[in-house]
Amino acid sequence: MRTEKKIAILVAIALVVLGMIIAFAAMVLAKFDMTKMVNTAAFEEKTYDISDDYEDISIKIKGQDLQILKSADKDTHFVCYENEKETFDVEVSGKKLEIEHKVKIEPFVGIHIGETVKPCKLYLPKDIYDDLTGEFGSTDVVIDEGFTFEDVKLETGSGDITISDLKTDDIKLHSGSGEITLKDTVCTDKMSIDTGSGDITLDSCDAFDMEFKTGSGDITGTILSAKTFETRTGSGDVTIPEDGNGGKCYAKTGSGDITFKVVTK
């Protein structure tokens, strides 16, 4: 058995044990009262309308999915779902739009019983912004509609990230256990993507410096310019084109295939 695979197995076992310890500690803190550890209250849809101008966007959501879409008017609209235990703070501070998910349930944050919560939706009026940052718990994130940002940095604990038709200088994406999918996403500088256990998939994407890492999953995709490739896989096949002068591409997976193809649009 390869060293990388042994390490991946040991890390997985350690995470399972850690999860069991945290779960038991949570039950002790709640005095084994499960009603204190879950959210059973009904959700109501709420819309925040923002007319103030801003350049940066910061989002923190613990346990609800998010879609970022184009607004139909000149204002920003954030549609979310709240109850007595989960609310959102939405405000413009300086030149930054700040959205933060507030959860009163501890220590199990964002566990819902009996109701499927719809995704939150953030409608943005402009095409171009400065920085987009996001910190998410168990959240699927979808960005569509052709936005341009200077820098994008998104991190989710256990959820998928799906982005299409995006332009940026730098993009950094991380998922603890989820798939990351990009389509028609172009960076002028660096694209850095990693996931603990999930596939990384690219469709007609590019950056001068590309870096992809997954603990257990495939790395596949089509890119728009030839690269100098460096690949590592614990147990999997590697299929890449000949090296070119369009920048660097580093790809590493603990157990999975690596496949790249250069295409023109």
Protein backbone atom coordinates (compact mmCIF):
# COMPACT_ATOMS: atom_id res chain seq x y z
CA MET A 1 0.00 0.00 0.00
CA ARG A 2 1.37 3.41 -0.97
CA THR A 3 2.34 5.91 1.71
CA GLU A 4 -0.21 8.48 0.46
CA LYS A 5 -3.06 5.97 0.76
CA LYS A 6 -1.98 4.92 4.25
CA ILE A 7 -1.93 8.55 5.34
CA ALA A 8 -5.39 9.16 3.83
CA ILE A 9 -6.82 6.15 5.70
CA LEU A 10 -5.25 7.24 9.00
CA VAL A 11 -6.56 10.78 8.57
CA ALA A 12 -10.07 9.44 7.84
CA ILE A 13 -10.00 7.25 10.96
CA ALA A 14 -8.76 10.16 13.07
CA LEU A 15 -11.59 12.40 11.78
CA VAL A 16 -14.21 9.75 12.60
CA VAL A 17 -12.85 9.36 16.13
CA LEU A 18 -12.71 13.13 16.57
CA GLY A 19 -16.33 13.41 15.39
CA MET A 20 -17.44 10.81 17.93
CA ILE A 21 -15.65 12.66 20.71
CA ILE A 22 -17.21 15.98 19.71
CA ALA A 23 -20.66 14.38 19.48
CA PHE A 24 -20.35 12.89 22.97
CA ALA A 25 -19.09 16.19 24.38
CA ALA A 26 -22.04 17.97 22.79
CA MET A 27 -24.48 15.56 24.41
CA VAL A 28 -22.83 16.09 27.79
CA LEU A 29 -23.07 19.88 27.44
CA ALA A 30 -26.73 19.58 26.49
CA LYS A 31 -27.31 17.19 29.41
CA PHE A 32 -28.43 14.60 26.86
CA ASP A 33 -31.43 16.78 25.95
CA MET A 34 -31.67 16.41 22.16
CA THR A 35 -34.08 19.35 21.85
CA LYS A 36 -31.18 21.66 22.72
CA MET A 37 -29.03 20.23 19.95
CA VAL A 38 -31.36 20.39 16.95
CA ASN A 39 -33.61 22.92 15.27
CA THR A 40 -37.25 21.91 14.93
CA ALA A 41 -38.77 25.40 14.56
CA ALA A 42 -40.51 26.24 11.29
CA PHE A 43 -38.72 28.58 8.86
CA GLU A 44 -40.16 31.69 7.27
CA GLU A 45 -38.87 33.35 4.13
CA LYS A 46 -37.39 36.79 4.63
CA THR A 47 -36.00 39.25 2.10
CA TYR A 48 -33.41 41.93 2.86
CA ASP A 49 -33.35 44.75 0.31
CA ILE A 50 -30.14 46.79 0.09
CA SER A 51 -29.89 50.03 -1.89
CA ASP A 52 -26.43 51.11 -0.59
CA ASP A 53 -23.44 50.80 -2.88
CA TYR A 54 -20.53 48.47 -2.02
CA GLU A 55 -17.49 46.89 -3.66
CA ASP A 56 -16.63 43.88 -1.46
CA ILE A 57 -18.83 40.99 -0.32
CA SER A 58 -18.34 38.87 2.81
CA ILE A 59 -20.66 35.93 3.54
CA LYS A 60 -20.74 33.58 6.53
CA ILE A 61 -23.38 30.83 6.52
CA LYS A 62 -23.33 27.83 8.83
CA GLY A 63 -25.92 25.42 7.48
CA GLN A 64 -28.01 26.72 4.59
CA ASP A 65 -27.25 26.50 0.87
CA LEU A 66 -26.51 29.63 -1.16
CA GLN A 67 -27.04 30.76 -4.73
CA ILE A 68 -25.55 34.00 -6.09
CA LEU A 69 -27.55 35.35 -9.02
CA LYS A 70 -28.07 38.54 -11.04
CA SER A 71 -30.58 41.05 -9.69
CA ALA A 72 -33.46 42.14 -11.92
CA ASP A 73 -33.18 45.76 -10.72
CA LYS A 74 -30.55 48.18 -9.38
CA ASP A 75 -30.75 46.96 -5.78
CA THR A 76 -29.34 43.99 -3.90
CA HIS A 77 -31.74 41.42 -2.50
CA PHE A 78 -30.94 38.63 -0.07
CA VAL A 79 -33.63 35.98 0.31
CA CYS A 80 -33.14 33.70 3.29
CA TYR A 81 -35.04 31.54 5.78
CA GLU A 82 -35.25 32.39 9.47
CA ASN A 83 -36.89 31.17 12.65
CA GLU A 84 -36.52 31.85 16.34
CA LYS A 85 -33.17 30.04 16.42
CA GLU A 86 -31.64 31.05 13.10
CA THR A 87 -31.42 34.61 11.78
CA PHE A 88 -29.20 36.68 9.48
CA ASP A 89 -27.39 39.96 9.95
CA VAL A 90 -27.26 41.83 6.63
CA GLU A 91 -25.63 45.24 6.36
CA VAL A 92 -23.28 47.42 4.33
CA SER A 93 -20.28 48.54 6.39
CA GLY A 94 -18.06 50.98 4.57
CA LYS A 95 -17.77 49.53 1.09
CA LYS A 96 -18.45 45.93 2.11
CA LEU A 97 -21.69 43.96 2.07
CA GLU A 98 -21.64 41.66 5.10
CA ILE A 99 -24.00 38.70 5.53
CA GLU A 100 -23.71 36.56 8.63
CA HIS A 101 -25.80 33.57 9.69
CA LYS A 102 -26.65 33.65 13.40
CA VAL A 103 -27.53 30.33 15.07
CA LYS A 104 -28.57 30.02 18.71
CA ILE A 105 -28.26 26.25 18.78
CA GLU A 106 -25.07 24.97 20.36
CA PRO A 107 -23.04 22.92 20.00
CA PHE A 108 -24.67 21.23 16.96
CA VAL A 109 -25.03 24.17 14.61
CA GLY A 110 -27.50 24.03 11.75
CA ILE A 111 -29.12 20.62 12.30
CA HIS A 112 -32.72 20.68 11.07
CA ILE A 113 -35.34 18.03 11.72
CA GLY A 114 -38.59 17.67 9.81
CA GLU A 115 -38.09 20.45 7.24
CA THR A 116 -35.97 20.95 4.14
CA VAL A 117 -34.76 24.53 3.97
CA LYS A 118 -34.64 26.16 0.54
CA PRO A 119 -31.36 27.70 -0.61
CA CYS A 120 -30.66 31.30 0.27
CA LYS A 121 -30.41 33.56 -2.77
CA LEU A 122 -28.23 36.64 -3.11
CA TYR A 123 -29.20 38.84 -6.05
CA LEU A 124 -26.42 41.25 -7.10
CA PRO A 125 -27.17 44.29 -9.31
CA LYS A 126 -23.70 44.87 -10.82
CA ASP A 127 -21.51 42.67 -12.97
CA ILE A 128 -18.17 43.75 -11.44
CA TYR A 129 -17.04 43.74 -7.79
CA ASP A 130 -13.77 43.70 -5.87
CA ASP A 131 -13.42 40.80 -3.41
CA LEU A 132 -15.80 37.94 -2.64
CA THR A 133 -15.11 35.94 0.52
CA GLY A 134 -17.24 33.18 2.02
CA GLU A 135 -17.05 30.90 5.03
CA PHE A 136 -19.62 28.11 5.08
CA GLY A 137 -20.52 25.09 7.19
CA SER A 138 -22.53 22.33 5.54
CA THR A 139 -23.42 24.47 2.56
CA ASP A 140 -23.68 24.01 -1.21
CA VAL A 141 -22.61 27.17 -3.02
CA VAL A 142 -23.64 28.06 -6.57
CA ILE A 143 -22.42 31.16 -8.45
CA ASP A 144 -23.85 31.87 -11.88
CA GLU A 145 -24.78 34.70 -14.21
CA GLY A 146 -21.34 35.92 -15.36
CA PHE A 147 -19.82 38.02 -12.57
CA THR A 148 -16.32 39.55 -12.41
CA PHE A 149 -14.37 39.81 -9.14
CA GLU A 150 -10.81 40.82 -8.34
CA ASP A 151 -10.37 37.98 -5.85
CA VAL A 152 -12.59 35.08 -4.79
CA LYS A 153 -11.99 33.01 -1.65
CA LEU A 154 -14.61 30.44 -0.59
CA GLU A 155 -14.38 27.73 2.05
CA THR A 156 -17.05 25.18 2.98
CA GLY A 157 -16.85 22.47 5.62
CA SER A 158 -19.01 19.89 3.85
CA GLY A 159 -20.65 21.04 0.66
CA ASP A 160 -20.26 21.35 -3.10
CA ILE A 161 -19.06 24.49 -4.87
CA THR A 162 -20.35 25.11 -8.40
CA ILE A 163 -19.24 28.16 -10.39
CA SER A 164 -19.88 29.12 -13.99
CA ASP A 165 -19.04 32.05 -16.26
CA LEU A 166 -16.79 33.83 -13.76
CA LYS A 167 -13.81 36.13 -14.32
CA THR A 168 -11.31 36.99 -11.58
CA ASP A 169 -7.65 37.69 -10.89
CA ASP A 170 -7.30 35.00 -8.23
CA ILE A 171 -9.62 32.28 -7.00
CA LYS A 172 -9.14 30.00 -3.99
CA LEU A 173 -11.72 27.31 -3.21
CA HIS A 174 -11.73 24.72 -0.42
CA SER A 175 -14.24 22.06 0.60
CA GLY A 176 -13.69 19.68 3.49
CA SER A 177 -15.83 16.99 1.85
CA GLY A 178 -17.52 18.03 -1.36
CA GLU A 179 -17.17 18.31 -5.10
CA ILE A 180 -15.92 21.46 -6.80
CA THR A 181 -17.06 22.19 -10.35
CA LEU A 182 -16.04 25.16 -12.52
CA LYS A 183 -17.27 26.05 -16.00
CA ASP A 184 -16.11 28.97 -18.18
CA THR A 185 -14.08 30.38 -15.29
CA VAL A 186 -10.95 32.35 -16.20
CA CYS A 187 -8.35 33.84 -13.84
CA THR A 188 -5.62 36.21 -14.92
CA ASP A 189 -3.29 34.97 -12.18
CA LYS A 190 -3.84 31.92 -9.92
CA MET A 191 -6.52 29.24 -9.51
CA SER A 192 -6.16 27.15 -6.33
CA ILE A 193 -8.70 24.41 -5.56
CA ASP A 194 -8.62 21.67 -2.92
CA THR A 195 -11.11 19.28 -1.35
CA GLY A 196 -10.66 16.65 1.31
CA SER A 197 -12.80 14.02 -0.41
CA GLY A 198 -14.44 14.92 -3.70
CA ASP A 199 -13.93 15.36 -7.42
CA ILE A 200 -12.57 18.51 -9.02
CA THR A 201 -14.05 19.15 -12.47
CA LEU A 202 -13.19 21.94 -14.93
CA ASP A 203 -14.96 22.83 -18.16
CA SER A 204 -13.25 25.43 -20.37
CA CYS A 205 -11.36 27.11 -17.53
CA ASP A 206 -7.94 28.74 -17.32
CA ALA A 207 -5.39 30.57 -15.20
CA PHE A 208 -1.69 31.26 -15.51
CA ASP A 209 -0.93 29.28 -12.34
CA MET A 210 -3.24 26.34 -11.52
CA GLU A 211 -3.15 24.11 -8.44
CA PHE A 212 -5.54 21.25 -7.63
CA LYS A 213 -5.54 18.88 -4.66
CA THR A 214 -8.00 16.23 -3.47
CA GLY A 215 -7.58 13.54 -0.84
CA SER A 216 -9.77 11.00 -2.62
CA GLY A 217 -11.29 11.97 -5.94
CA ASP A 218 -10.68 12.54 -9.63
CA ILE A 219 -9.22 15.73 -11.11
CA THR A 220 -10.52 16.18 -14.64
CA GLY A 221 -11.15 19.01 -17.01
CA THR A 222 -10.56 21.06 -20.10
CA ILE A 223 -8.32 24.14 -19.97
CA LEU A 224 -7.81 26.88 -22.53
CA SER A 225 -3.99 27.04 -22.77
CA ALA A 226 -1.09 24.62 -22.63
CA LYS A 227 0.71 24.25 -19.29
CA THR A 228 3.80 22.80 -17.73
CA PHE A 229 2.25 19.91 -15.79
CA GLU A 230 3.29 18.34 -12.50
CA THR A 231 1.04 15.52 -11.27
CA ARG A 232 0.95 13.11 -8.33
CA THR A 233 -1.52 10.33 -7.62
CA GLY A 234 -1.45 7.60 -5.00
CA SER A 235 -3.52 5.13 -7.04
CA GLY A 236 -4.89 6.29 -10.36
CA ASP A 237 -4.21 7.01 -14.01
CA VAL A 238 -2.73 10.23 -15.37
CA THR A 239 -3.66 11.55 -18.82
CA ILE A 240 -2.27 14.97 -19.69
CA PRO A 241 -1.20 16.80 -22.86
CA GLU A 242 2.37 17.71 -23.72
CA ASP A 243 3.91 20.56 -21.76
CA GLY A 244 3.42 24.08 -23.12
CA ASN A 245 4.31 27.66 -22.20
CA GLY A 246 0.92 28.88 -20.92
CA GLY A 247 1.81 28.67 -17.23
CA LYS A 248 1.96 25.92 -14.62
CA CYS A 249 -0.53 23.25 -13.54
CA TYR A 250 0.00 21.15 -10.42
CA ALA A 251 -2.47 18.36 -9.63
CA LYS A 252 -2.38 15.88 -6.76
CA THR A 253 -4.87 13.22 -5.60
CA GLY A 254 -4.51 10.55 -2.97
CA SER A 255 -6.67 8.03 -4.81
CA GLY A 256 -8.09 9.05 -8.16
CA ASP A 257 -7.40 9.79 -11.82
CA ILE A 258 -5.93 12.98 -13.26
CA THR A 259 -7.08 13.94 -16.74
CA PHE A 260 -6.56 17.24 -18.58
CA LYS A 261 -7.22 18.32 -22.14
CA VAL A 262 -6.45 21.64 -23.83
CA VAL A 263 -9.32 23.09 -25.86
CA THR A 264 -9.90 26.30 -27.82
CA LYS A 265 -13.07 28.37 -27.80
